[in-house]
């Protein structure tokens, strides 16, 4: 089974691209959704212990937690040390299930794939991109998004040009869904001929 790492900066259309992979019959692991599930249960006690007052009723209050860690690299690192091993275990479970189902290709959707060294755990990387103008419009249209918040998020992400340079495949979402669907078919055809490179 070939494992594709799907990544892209905020507002590039990665979630939509992940949905289109799923629509094409590919098992897709969503790292953000996995974190959401952990925040609603398993990870909450450890996060409350590290950041008192950031949970309620056994669930993490994402806004409170975000306010606590977004401008504090040391706090962010502490949070990652709690969450990353749990996410890793969930990802492994997903891959084992995909392999058992006989899927030729599986996709792991990870926003900070390069930033966390995740490209070493996949056979090829798919980077989703668009123009800087479209990216900005999409992000600022989100609820509760400000220029300052956007700046803080982008500061944690590797620049788009660098991601595209390191990608095996690039998907441009600037021109609507149909070109993206066509590109996904093209990527799946090429992936089917690849040899796994993970050790």
N, C-alpha and C. Protein backbone atom coordinates (compact mmCIF):
# COMPACT_ATOMS: atom_id res chain seq x y z
N UNK A 1 0.84 -1.20 0.00
CA UNK A 1 0.00 0.00 0.00
C UNK A 1 0.88 1.25 0.00
N UNK A 2 0.54 2.19 -0.85
CA UNK A 2 1.28 3.45 -0.90
C UNK A 2 0.59 4.46 0.01
N UNK A 3 1.38 5.12 0.86
CA UNK A 3 0.82 6.13 1.76
C UNK A 3 1.21 7.51 1.25
N UNK A 4 0.20 8.32 0.95
CA UNK A 4 0.43 9.69 0.51
C UNK A 4 0.21 10.64 1.68
N UNK A 5 1.15 11.54 1.90
CA UNK A 5 0.96 12.58 2.91
C UNK A 5 0.36 13.80 2.22
N UNK A 6 -0.78 14.25 2.70
CA UNK A 6 -1.46 15.40 2.11
C UNK A 6 -1.26 16.61 3.02
N UNK A 7 -0.73 17.68 2.48
CA UNK A 7 -0.49 18.85 3.31
C UNK A 7 -0.66 20.12 2.49
N UNK A 8 -0.59 21.24 3.18
CA UNK A 8 -0.76 22.53 2.51
C UNK A 8 -1.04 23.56 3.58
N UNK A 9 -0.63 24.78 3.34
CA UNK A 9 -0.84 25.83 4.33
C UNK A 9 -2.33 26.11 4.50
N UNK A 10 -2.67 26.84 5.56
CA UNK A 10 -4.06 27.20 5.85
C UNK A 10 -4.68 27.93 4.64
N UNK A 11 -5.94 27.59 4.35
CA UNK A 11 -6.67 28.30 3.29
C UNK A 11 -6.33 27.88 1.88
N UNK A 12 -5.55 26.80 1.72
CA UNK A 12 -5.14 26.37 0.38
C UNK A 12 -6.15 25.43 -0.28
N UNK A 13 -7.07 24.88 0.53
CA UNK A 13 -8.06 23.95 -0.03
C UNK A 13 -7.73 22.50 0.28
N UNK A 14 -6.94 22.28 1.34
CA UNK A 14 -6.52 20.92 1.69
C UNK A 14 -7.70 20.05 2.13
N UNK A 15 -8.60 20.61 2.94
CA UNK A 15 -9.74 19.81 3.43
C UNK A 15 -10.62 19.37 2.26
N UNK A 16 -10.83 20.29 1.32
CA UNK A 16 -11.64 19.94 0.14
C UNK A 16 -10.94 18.85 -0.67
N UNK A 17 -9.63 18.99 -0.83
CA UNK A 17 -8.87 17.98 -1.58
C UNK A 17 -8.95 16.63 -0.88
N UNK A 18 -8.86 16.63 0.45
CA UNK A 18 -8.97 15.37 1.21
C UNK A 18 -10.34 14.73 0.97
N UNK A 19 -11.39 15.56 0.95
CA UNK A 19 -12.75 15.02 0.70
C UNK A 19 -12.83 14.39 -0.69
N UNK A 20 -12.16 15.02 -1.67
CA UNK A 20 -12.20 14.49 -3.04
C UNK A 20 -11.41 13.19 -3.15
N UNK A 21 -10.34 13.04 -2.38
CA UNK A 21 -9.62 11.75 -2.33
C UNK A 21 -10.58 10.69 -1.78
N UNK A 22 -11.28 11.04 -0.69
CA UNK A 22 -12.22 10.09 -0.07
C UNK A 22 -13.33 9.72 -1.06
N UNK A 23 -13.79 10.75 -1.80
CA UNK A 23 -14.84 10.54 -2.80
C UNK A 23 -14.35 9.56 -3.88
N UNK A 24 -13.04 9.57 -4.14
CA UNK A 24 -12.46 8.67 -5.15
C UNK A 24 -12.21 7.27 -4.58
N UNK A 25 -12.67 7.04 -3.33
CA UNK A 25 -12.57 5.71 -2.75
C UNK A 25 -11.29 5.45 -1.97
N UNK A 26 -10.53 6.49 -1.67
CA UNK A 26 -9.27 6.33 -0.95
C UNK A 26 -9.50 6.52 0.55
N UNK A 27 -8.99 5.60 1.40
CA UNK A 27 -9.10 5.84 2.84
C UNK A 27 -8.28 7.09 3.22
N UNK A 28 -8.89 8.01 3.95
CA UNK A 28 -8.21 9.26 4.33
C UNK A 28 -8.18 9.39 5.85
N UNK A 29 -6.98 9.61 6.39
CA UNK A 29 -6.81 9.85 7.82
C UNK A 29 -6.68 11.35 8.00
N UNK A 30 -7.53 11.92 8.84
CA UNK A 30 -7.53 13.37 9.07
C UNK A 30 -6.92 13.64 10.45
N UNK A 31 -5.69 14.17 10.46
CA UNK A 31 -4.99 14.41 11.73
C UNK A 31 -5.75 15.40 12.61
N UNK A 32 -6.32 16.45 11.99
CA UNK A 32 -7.07 17.43 12.78
C UNK A 32 -8.28 16.79 13.46
N UNK A 33 -8.99 15.94 12.70
CA UNK A 33 -10.17 15.27 13.27
C UNK A 33 -9.74 14.35 14.41
N UNK A 34 -8.58 13.72 14.24
CA UNK A 34 -8.07 12.84 15.30
C UNK A 34 -7.79 13.65 16.57
N UNK A 35 -7.22 14.85 16.38
CA UNK A 35 -6.94 15.73 17.53
C UNK A 35 -8.26 16.14 18.20
N UNK A 36 -9.27 16.48 17.37
CA UNK A 36 -10.59 16.84 17.92
C UNK A 36 -11.11 15.72 18.80
N UNK A 37 -11.03 14.47 18.30
CA UNK A 37 -11.54 13.33 19.08
C UNK A 37 -10.76 13.18 20.38
N UNK A 38 -9.43 13.35 20.32
CA UNK A 38 -8.62 13.24 21.53
C UNK A 38 -8.98 14.33 22.53
N UNK A 39 -9.25 15.54 22.01
CA UNK A 39 -9.61 16.66 22.87
C UNK A 39 -10.95 16.42 23.56
N UNK A 40 -11.77 15.57 22.97
CA UNK A 40 -13.09 15.31 23.57
C UNK A 40 -13.06 14.12 24.52
N UNK A 41 -11.88 13.59 24.78
CA UNK A 41 -11.82 12.44 25.68
C UNK A 41 -10.43 12.17 26.18
N UNK A 42 -9.75 11.25 25.48
CA UNK A 42 -8.49 10.68 25.95
C UNK A 42 -7.44 11.71 26.39
N UNK A 43 -7.27 12.80 25.61
CA UNK A 43 -6.19 13.75 25.91
C UNK A 43 -6.57 14.79 26.97
N UNK A 44 -7.87 14.92 27.26
CA UNK A 44 -8.32 16.01 28.13
C UNK A 44 -7.67 16.01 29.52
N UNK A 45 -7.58 14.86 30.21
CA UNK A 45 -6.98 14.92 31.56
C UNK A 45 -5.53 15.40 31.55
N UNK A 46 -4.73 14.93 30.59
CA UNK A 46 -3.32 15.33 30.53
C UNK A 46 -3.20 16.81 30.18
N UNK A 47 -4.09 17.29 29.31
CA UNK A 47 -4.05 18.71 28.93
C UNK A 47 -4.48 19.59 30.10
N UNK A 48 -5.49 19.15 30.84
CA UNK A 48 -5.93 19.90 32.02
C UNK A 48 -4.81 19.96 33.06
N UNK A 49 -4.07 18.86 33.22
CA UNK A 49 -2.97 18.84 34.19
C UNK A 49 -1.86 19.81 33.77
N UNK A 50 -1.59 19.89 32.46
CA UNK A 50 -0.51 20.76 31.97
C UNK A 50 -0.97 22.22 31.88
N UNK A 51 -2.26 22.41 31.54
CA UNK A 51 -2.80 23.77 31.35
C UNK A 51 -4.11 23.90 32.12
N UNK A 52 -4.02 24.07 33.45
CA UNK A 52 -5.24 24.09 34.27
C UNK A 52 -6.25 25.13 33.77
N UNK A 53 -7.53 24.72 33.78
CA UNK A 53 -8.60 25.65 33.39
C UNK A 53 -8.90 25.66 31.91
N UNK A 54 -8.26 24.74 31.12
CA UNK A 54 -8.52 24.74 29.68
C UNK A 54 -9.51 23.65 29.27
N UNK A 55 -10.06 22.92 30.26
CA UNK A 55 -11.07 21.92 29.91
C UNK A 55 -12.34 22.16 30.73
N UNK A 56 -13.44 21.61 30.22
CA UNK A 56 -14.72 21.66 30.96
C UNK A 56 -15.47 20.38 30.63
N UNK A 57 -16.08 19.76 31.62
CA UNK A 57 -16.85 18.52 31.44
C UNK A 57 -16.05 17.45 30.70
N UNK A 58 -14.77 17.34 31.01
CA UNK A 58 -13.97 16.28 30.40
C UNK A 58 -13.57 16.54 28.96
N UNK A 59 -13.82 17.76 28.48
CA UNK A 59 -13.43 18.08 27.10
C UNK A 59 -12.57 19.33 27.09
N UNK A 60 -11.66 19.39 26.12
CA UNK A 60 -10.80 20.57 26.00
C UNK A 60 -11.59 21.72 25.39
N UNK A 61 -11.47 22.90 26.00
CA UNK A 61 -12.05 24.12 25.41
C UNK A 61 -10.99 24.68 24.47
N UNK A 62 -11.20 24.47 23.17
CA UNK A 62 -10.17 24.81 22.18
C UNK A 62 -9.79 26.29 22.20
N UNK A 63 -10.77 27.15 22.44
CA UNK A 63 -10.47 28.59 22.47
C UNK A 63 -9.56 28.95 23.63
N UNK A 64 -9.89 28.39 24.81
CA UNK A 64 -9.05 28.66 25.99
C UNK A 64 -7.65 28.10 25.79
N UNK A 65 -7.58 26.89 25.26
CA UNK A 65 -6.27 26.26 25.05
C UNK A 65 -5.46 27.05 24.03
N UNK A 66 -6.11 27.44 22.95
CA UNK A 66 -5.44 28.20 21.89
C UNK A 66 -4.89 29.51 22.45
N UNK A 67 -5.70 30.20 23.25
CA UNK A 67 -5.26 31.47 23.84
C UNK A 67 -4.02 31.25 24.71
N UNK A 68 -3.95 30.08 25.34
CA UNK A 68 -2.86 29.76 26.25
C UNK A 68 -1.56 29.44 25.51
N UNK A 69 -1.65 28.81 24.31
CA UNK A 69 -0.42 28.32 23.67
C UNK A 69 0.00 29.08 22.40
N UNK A 70 -0.93 29.82 21.78
CA UNK A 70 -0.64 30.35 20.43
C UNK A 70 0.57 31.28 20.39
N UNK A 71 0.80 32.06 21.44
CA UNK A 71 1.95 32.98 21.43
C UNK A 71 3.09 32.51 22.32
N UNK A 72 3.03 31.24 22.75
CA UNK A 72 4.03 30.74 23.68
C UNK A 72 4.64 29.44 23.14
N UNK A 73 5.79 29.53 22.45
CA UNK A 73 6.39 28.34 21.83
C UNK A 73 6.64 27.21 22.82
N UNK A 74 7.03 27.54 24.06
CA UNK A 74 7.31 26.48 25.05
C UNK A 74 6.03 25.75 25.42
N UNK A 75 4.93 26.49 25.56
CA UNK A 75 3.63 25.87 25.88
C UNK A 75 3.16 25.01 24.71
N UNK A 76 3.38 25.52 23.49
CA UNK A 76 2.99 24.78 22.28
C UNK A 76 3.74 23.45 22.24
N UNK A 77 5.01 23.50 22.59
CA UNK A 77 5.84 22.28 22.59
C UNK A 77 5.32 21.28 23.62
N UNK A 78 4.94 21.80 24.79
CA UNK A 78 4.42 20.93 25.86
C UNK A 78 3.12 20.25 25.39
N UNK A 79 2.27 21.03 24.73
CA UNK A 79 1.01 20.48 24.22
C UNK A 79 1.29 19.39 23.17
N UNK A 80 2.24 19.66 22.28
CA UNK A 80 2.57 18.68 21.24
C UNK A 80 3.10 17.39 21.85
N UNK A 81 3.87 17.51 22.94
CA UNK A 81 4.42 16.30 23.58
C UNK A 81 3.30 15.43 24.17
N UNK A 82 2.20 16.05 24.53
CA UNK A 82 1.05 15.29 25.06
C UNK A 82 0.28 14.65 23.90
N UNK A 83 0.02 15.46 22.86
CA UNK A 83 -0.92 15.04 21.81
C UNK A 83 -0.28 14.17 20.72
N UNK A 84 0.95 14.48 20.33
CA UNK A 84 1.55 13.77 19.18
C UNK A 84 1.62 12.25 19.34
N UNK A 85 2.05 11.73 20.51
CA UNK A 85 2.09 10.26 20.63
C UNK A 85 0.70 9.63 20.47
N UNK A 86 -0.34 10.30 20.98
CA UNK A 86 -1.71 9.78 20.86
C UNK A 86 -2.15 9.81 19.40
N UNK A 87 -1.81 10.89 18.71
CA UNK A 87 -2.17 11.01 17.28
C UNK A 87 -1.43 9.93 16.49
N UNK A 88 -0.17 9.69 16.85
CA UNK A 88 0.62 8.66 16.16
C UNK A 88 -0.01 7.29 16.29
N UNK A 89 -0.50 6.98 17.47
CA UNK A 89 -1.14 5.68 17.70
C UNK A 89 -2.42 5.55 16.88
N UNK A 90 -3.20 6.63 16.82
CA UNK A 90 -4.45 6.62 16.03
C UNK A 90 -4.13 6.46 14.55
N UNK A 91 -3.06 7.10 14.09
CA UNK A 91 -2.67 7.02 12.67
C UNK A 91 -2.25 5.59 12.31
N UNK A 92 -1.51 4.95 13.22
CA UNK A 92 -1.05 3.59 12.97
C UNK A 92 -2.24 2.64 12.85
N UNK A 93 -3.24 2.85 13.72
CA UNK A 93 -4.44 2.02 13.71
C UNK A 93 -5.17 2.17 12.36
N UNK A 94 -5.26 3.43 11.90
CA UNK A 94 -5.91 3.72 10.61
C UNK A 94 -5.16 3.00 9.47
N UNK A 95 -3.82 3.10 9.46
CA UNK A 95 -3.03 2.49 8.38
C UNK A 95 -3.16 0.97 8.38
N UNK A 96 -3.16 0.37 9.58
CA UNK A 96 -3.32 -1.08 9.66
C UNK A 96 -4.67 -1.50 9.08
N UNK A 97 -5.72 -0.74 9.41
CA UNK A 97 -7.07 -1.06 8.91
C UNK A 97 -7.13 -0.89 7.39
N UNK A 98 -6.50 0.19 6.88
CA UNK A 98 -6.51 0.44 5.42
C UNK A 98 -5.77 -0.69 4.70
N UNK A 99 -4.64 -1.11 5.28
CA UNK A 99 -3.85 -2.20 4.67
C UNK A 99 -4.67 -3.48 4.65
N UNK A 100 -5.34 -3.78 5.78
CA UNK A 100 -6.14 -5.01 5.85
C UNK A 100 -7.30 -4.99 4.87
N UNK A 101 -7.81 -3.78 4.57
CA UNK A 101 -8.96 -3.69 3.65
C UNK A 101 -8.51 -3.87 2.19
N UNK A 102 -7.18 -3.93 1.98
CA UNK A 102 -6.67 -4.13 0.63
C UNK A 102 -6.57 -2.85 -0.19
N UNK A 103 -6.65 -1.68 0.46
CA UNK A 103 -6.56 -0.41 -0.27
C UNK A 103 -5.17 -0.27 -0.90
N UNK A 104 -5.11 0.09 -2.21
CA UNK A 104 -3.79 0.26 -2.83
C UNK A 104 -3.09 1.54 -2.38
N UNK A 105 -3.91 2.55 -2.01
CA UNK A 105 -3.38 3.86 -1.62
C UNK A 105 -4.15 4.35 -0.40
N UNK A 106 -3.47 4.96 0.56
CA UNK A 106 -4.14 5.63 1.68
C UNK A 106 -3.56 7.03 1.77
N UNK A 107 -4.38 7.96 2.26
CA UNK A 107 -3.94 9.36 2.39
C UNK A 107 -3.94 9.75 3.86
N UNK A 108 -2.84 10.38 4.27
CA UNK A 108 -2.77 10.94 5.63
C UNK A 108 -2.77 12.45 5.48
N UNK A 109 -3.82 13.09 5.99
CA UNK A 109 -3.99 14.53 5.87
C UNK A 109 -3.41 15.19 7.12
N UNK A 110 -2.23 15.83 6.97
CA UNK A 110 -1.53 16.43 8.12
C UNK A 110 -1.13 17.86 7.78
N UNK A 111 -1.76 18.86 8.44
CA UNK A 111 -1.45 20.26 8.12
C UNK A 111 0.04 20.58 8.26
N UNK A 112 0.67 20.13 9.35
CA UNK A 112 2.08 20.48 9.58
C UNK A 112 2.99 19.28 9.28
N UNK A 113 2.79 18.67 8.12
CA UNK A 113 3.54 17.46 7.75
C UNK A 113 5.05 17.71 7.74
N UNK A 114 5.50 18.72 6.98
CA UNK A 114 6.93 18.99 6.89
C UNK A 114 7.47 19.53 8.22
N UNK A 115 6.66 20.38 8.86
CA UNK A 115 7.10 21.03 10.09
C UNK A 115 7.36 20.01 11.20
N UNK A 116 6.69 18.84 11.13
CA UNK A 116 6.84 17.83 12.19
C UNK A 116 7.64 16.61 11.71
N UNK A 117 8.26 16.71 10.52
CA UNK A 117 9.06 15.59 10.00
C UNK A 117 8.22 14.44 9.49
N UNK A 118 6.92 14.67 9.29
CA UNK A 118 6.01 13.61 8.87
C UNK A 118 6.27 13.07 7.47
N UNK A 119 7.01 13.84 6.65
CA UNK A 119 7.27 13.35 5.28
C UNK A 119 8.09 12.06 5.28
N UNK A 120 8.79 11.79 6.40
CA UNK A 120 9.58 10.55 6.50
C UNK A 120 8.68 9.33 6.70
N UNK A 121 7.44 9.57 7.11
CA UNK A 121 6.54 8.44 7.39
C UNK A 121 5.61 8.12 6.23
N UNK A 122 5.79 8.78 5.08
CA UNK A 122 4.91 8.54 3.93
C UNK A 122 5.75 8.21 2.70
N UNK A 123 5.11 7.67 1.66
CA UNK A 123 5.84 7.31 0.44
C UNK A 123 5.97 8.49 -0.52
N UNK A 124 5.02 9.39 -0.49
CA UNK A 124 5.07 10.58 -1.35
C UNK A 124 4.22 11.67 -0.72
N UNK A 125 4.55 12.92 -1.04
CA UNK A 125 3.84 14.06 -0.45
C UNK A 125 3.05 14.80 -1.52
N UNK A 126 1.78 15.09 -1.20
CA UNK A 126 0.91 15.88 -2.06
C UNK A 126 0.72 17.23 -1.38
N UNK A 127 1.11 18.31 -2.05
CA UNK A 127 0.95 19.66 -1.47
C UNK A 127 -0.17 20.38 -2.21
N UNK A 128 -1.11 20.92 -1.42
CA UNK A 128 -2.24 21.67 -1.97
C UNK A 128 -1.88 23.15 -1.93
N UNK A 129 -2.13 23.85 -3.04
CA UNK A 129 -1.72 25.25 -3.13
C UNK A 129 -2.78 26.08 -3.84
N UNK A 130 -2.65 27.40 -3.70
CA UNK A 130 -3.45 28.35 -4.48
C UNK A 130 -2.67 29.67 -4.46
N UNK A 131 -3.24 30.71 -5.05
CA UNK A 131 -2.52 31.99 -5.03
C UNK A 131 -2.62 32.62 -3.64
N UNK A 132 -1.69 33.50 -3.33
CA UNK A 132 -1.68 34.18 -2.03
C UNK A 132 -2.96 34.97 -1.82
N UNK A 133 -3.50 35.57 -2.90
CA UNK A 133 -4.73 36.38 -2.80
C UNK A 133 -5.91 35.49 -2.41
N UNK A 134 -6.06 34.36 -3.12
CA UNK A 134 -7.19 33.46 -2.82
C UNK A 134 -7.04 32.90 -1.40
N UNK A 135 -5.82 32.55 -1.03
CA UNK A 135 -5.58 32.01 0.31
C UNK A 135 -6.07 33.01 1.37
N UNK A 136 -5.65 34.26 1.22
CA UNK A 136 -6.00 35.30 2.18
C UNK A 136 -7.51 35.52 2.26
N UNK A 137 -8.16 35.58 1.09
CA UNK A 137 -9.63 35.75 1.07
C UNK A 137 -10.31 34.61 1.82
N UNK A 138 -9.90 33.38 1.53
CA UNK A 138 -10.52 32.22 2.17
C UNK A 138 -10.36 32.27 3.69
N UNK A 139 -9.15 32.61 4.13
CA UNK A 139 -8.89 32.56 5.58
C UNK A 139 -9.64 33.67 6.30
N UNK A 140 -9.59 34.87 5.75
CA UNK A 140 -10.23 36.00 6.44
C UNK A 140 -11.76 35.91 6.41
N UNK A 141 -12.28 35.02 5.55
CA UNK A 141 -13.74 34.81 5.53
C UNK A 141 -14.18 33.89 6.67
N UNK A 142 -13.24 33.25 7.35
CA UNK A 142 -13.59 32.33 8.44
C UNK A 142 -14.03 33.11 9.67
N UNK A 143 -14.95 32.51 10.46
CA UNK A 143 -15.38 33.20 11.69
C UNK A 143 -14.21 33.37 12.66
N UNK A 144 -14.21 34.49 13.37
CA UNK A 144 -13.20 34.79 14.40
C UNK A 144 -11.77 34.89 13.89
N UNK A 145 -11.60 35.06 12.57
CA UNK A 145 -10.23 35.16 12.05
C UNK A 145 -9.84 36.62 11.93
N UNK A 146 -8.64 36.93 12.41
CA UNK A 146 -8.14 38.30 12.30
C UNK A 146 -6.79 38.26 11.60
N UNK A 147 -6.31 39.43 11.17
CA UNK A 147 -5.00 39.51 10.53
C UNK A 147 -3.92 39.00 11.49
N UNK A 148 -4.08 39.35 12.78
CA UNK A 148 -3.08 38.97 13.78
C UNK A 148 -3.03 37.45 13.94
N UNK A 149 -4.22 36.83 14.04
CA UNK A 149 -4.30 35.37 14.18
C UNK A 149 -3.69 34.70 12.96
N UNK A 150 -4.03 35.24 11.80
CA UNK A 150 -3.52 34.68 10.55
C UNK A 150 -1.99 34.74 10.53
N UNK A 151 -1.45 35.87 10.97
CA UNK A 151 0.01 36.03 11.03
C UNK A 151 0.66 34.98 11.92
N UNK A 152 0.03 34.72 13.09
CA UNK A 152 0.58 33.75 14.04
C UNK A 152 0.55 32.34 13.45
N UNK A 153 -0.54 32.01 12.72
CA UNK A 153 -0.65 30.68 12.11
C UNK A 153 0.39 30.52 11.00
N UNK A 154 0.48 31.53 10.14
CA UNK A 154 1.42 31.44 9.01
C UNK A 154 2.87 31.37 9.50
N UNK A 155 3.15 32.01 10.63
CA UNK A 155 4.51 32.00 11.18
C UNK A 155 4.94 30.58 11.57
N UNK A 156 3.95 29.73 11.91
CA UNK A 156 4.28 28.35 12.31
C UNK A 156 4.38 27.42 11.11
N UNK A 157 3.93 27.89 9.94
CA UNK A 157 3.89 27.02 8.76
C UNK A 157 5.05 27.34 7.81
N UNK A 158 5.58 26.29 7.23
CA UNK A 158 6.63 26.46 6.23
C UNK A 158 6.04 27.21 5.03
N UNK A 159 6.79 28.13 4.40
CA UNK A 159 6.25 28.87 3.27
C UNK A 159 5.77 27.93 2.15
N UNK A 160 4.71 28.34 1.48
CA UNK A 160 4.10 27.53 0.43
C UNK A 160 5.12 27.15 -0.65
N UNK A 161 5.96 28.08 -1.06
CA UNK A 161 6.93 27.82 -2.14
C UNK A 161 7.87 26.68 -1.74
N UNK A 162 8.26 26.67 -0.46
CA UNK A 162 9.16 25.63 0.03
C UNK A 162 8.44 24.27 0.04
N UNK A 163 7.17 24.27 0.44
CA UNK A 163 6.39 23.01 0.44
C UNK A 163 6.28 22.46 -0.98
N UNK A 164 5.98 23.36 -1.93
CA UNK A 164 5.81 22.91 -3.32
C UNK A 164 7.12 22.31 -3.84
N UNK A 165 8.25 22.91 -3.44
CA UNK A 165 9.57 22.41 -3.88
C UNK A 165 9.80 20.98 -3.39
N UNK A 166 9.32 20.69 -2.18
CA UNK A 166 9.57 19.37 -1.59
C UNK A 166 8.52 18.33 -1.97
N UNK A 167 7.46 18.76 -2.63
CA UNK A 167 6.34 17.86 -2.93
C UNK A 167 6.67 16.90 -4.07
N UNK A 168 6.05 15.73 -4.03
CA UNK A 168 6.10 14.82 -5.17
C UNK A 168 4.97 15.20 -6.15
N UNK A 169 3.85 15.67 -5.57
CA UNK A 169 2.70 16.07 -6.38
C UNK A 169 2.17 17.40 -5.84
N UNK A 170 1.73 18.28 -6.74
CA UNK A 170 1.13 19.56 -6.32
C UNK A 170 -0.30 19.60 -6.88
N UNK A 171 -1.24 20.01 -6.03
CA UNK A 171 -2.64 20.17 -6.46
C UNK A 171 -2.98 21.65 -6.31
N UNK A 172 -3.36 22.30 -7.43
CA UNK A 172 -3.71 23.72 -7.40
C UNK A 172 -5.23 23.83 -7.32
N UNK A 173 -5.73 24.49 -6.26
CA UNK A 173 -7.18 24.58 -6.07
C UNK A 173 -7.75 25.93 -6.52
N UNK A 174 -6.99 26.66 -7.33
CA UNK A 174 -7.43 28.01 -7.73
C UNK A 174 -8.58 28.01 -8.73
N UNK A 175 -8.81 26.88 -9.41
CA UNK A 175 -9.74 26.91 -10.55
C UNK A 175 -10.95 26.01 -10.38
N UNK A 176 -11.38 25.80 -9.13
CA UNK A 176 -12.59 25.01 -8.91
C UNK A 176 -12.29 23.52 -8.73
N UNK A 177 -13.37 22.74 -8.56
CA UNK A 177 -13.23 21.34 -8.16
C UNK A 177 -12.83 20.40 -9.28
N UNK A 178 -13.32 20.64 -10.50
CA UNK A 178 -13.07 19.66 -11.57
C UNK A 178 -11.59 19.43 -11.85
N UNK A 179 -10.79 20.51 -11.99
CA UNK A 179 -9.36 20.26 -12.20
C UNK A 179 -8.72 19.50 -11.03
N UNK A 180 -9.23 19.72 -9.81
CA UNK A 180 -8.69 19.01 -8.64
C UNK A 180 -9.05 17.53 -8.75
N UNK A 181 -10.29 17.23 -9.13
CA UNK A 181 -10.69 15.82 -9.30
C UNK A 181 -9.81 15.12 -10.34
N UNK A 182 -9.56 15.81 -11.44
CA UNK A 182 -8.74 15.24 -12.52
C UNK A 182 -7.32 15.00 -12.02
N UNK A 183 -6.79 15.94 -11.26
CA UNK A 183 -5.42 15.82 -10.74
C UNK A 183 -5.32 14.64 -9.76
N UNK A 184 -6.37 14.44 -8.96
CA UNK A 184 -6.38 13.33 -8.01
C UNK A 184 -6.32 11.99 -8.75
N UNK A 185 -7.09 11.87 -9.84
CA UNK A 185 -7.06 10.63 -10.64
C UNK A 185 -5.66 10.39 -11.18
N UNK A 186 -5.02 11.48 -11.63
CA UNK A 186 -3.66 11.42 -12.17
C UNK A 186 -2.69 10.96 -11.08
N UNK A 187 -2.81 11.53 -9.88
CA UNK A 187 -1.93 11.17 -8.76
C UNK A 187 -2.14 9.70 -8.38
N UNK A 188 -3.40 9.25 -8.34
CA UNK A 188 -3.68 7.86 -7.95
C UNK A 188 -3.11 6.88 -8.97
N UNK A 189 -3.19 7.25 -10.24
CA UNK A 189 -2.63 6.39 -11.30
C UNK A 189 -1.11 6.26 -11.12
N UNK A 190 -0.47 7.39 -10.81
CA UNK A 190 1.00 7.36 -10.62
C UNK A 190 1.36 6.62 -9.33
N UNK A 191 0.58 6.84 -8.27
CA UNK A 191 0.86 6.20 -6.98
C UNK A 191 0.78 4.68 -7.11
N UNK A 192 -0.16 4.21 -7.94
CA UNK A 192 -0.35 2.77 -8.12
C UNK A 192 0.91 2.10 -8.67
N UNK A 193 1.75 2.89 -9.36
CA UNK A 193 2.97 2.32 -9.96
C UNK A 193 4.20 2.51 -9.06
N UNK A 194 4.02 3.20 -7.93
CA UNK A 194 5.17 3.49 -7.07
C UNK A 194 5.55 2.30 -6.19
N UNK A 195 6.79 2.34 -5.76
CA UNK A 195 7.26 1.38 -4.73
C UNK A 195 7.21 2.09 -3.38
N UNK A 196 6.75 1.43 -2.33
CA UNK A 196 6.79 2.08 -1.01
C UNK A 196 8.24 2.43 -0.66
N UNK A 197 8.45 3.62 -0.07
CA UNK A 197 9.82 3.98 0.28
C UNK A 197 10.00 4.09 1.79
N UNK A 198 8.91 3.87 2.55
CA UNK A 198 9.07 3.95 4.00
C UNK A 198 9.86 2.75 4.47
N UNK A 199 10.74 2.97 5.45
CA UNK A 199 11.53 1.83 5.95
C UNK A 199 10.66 0.96 6.83
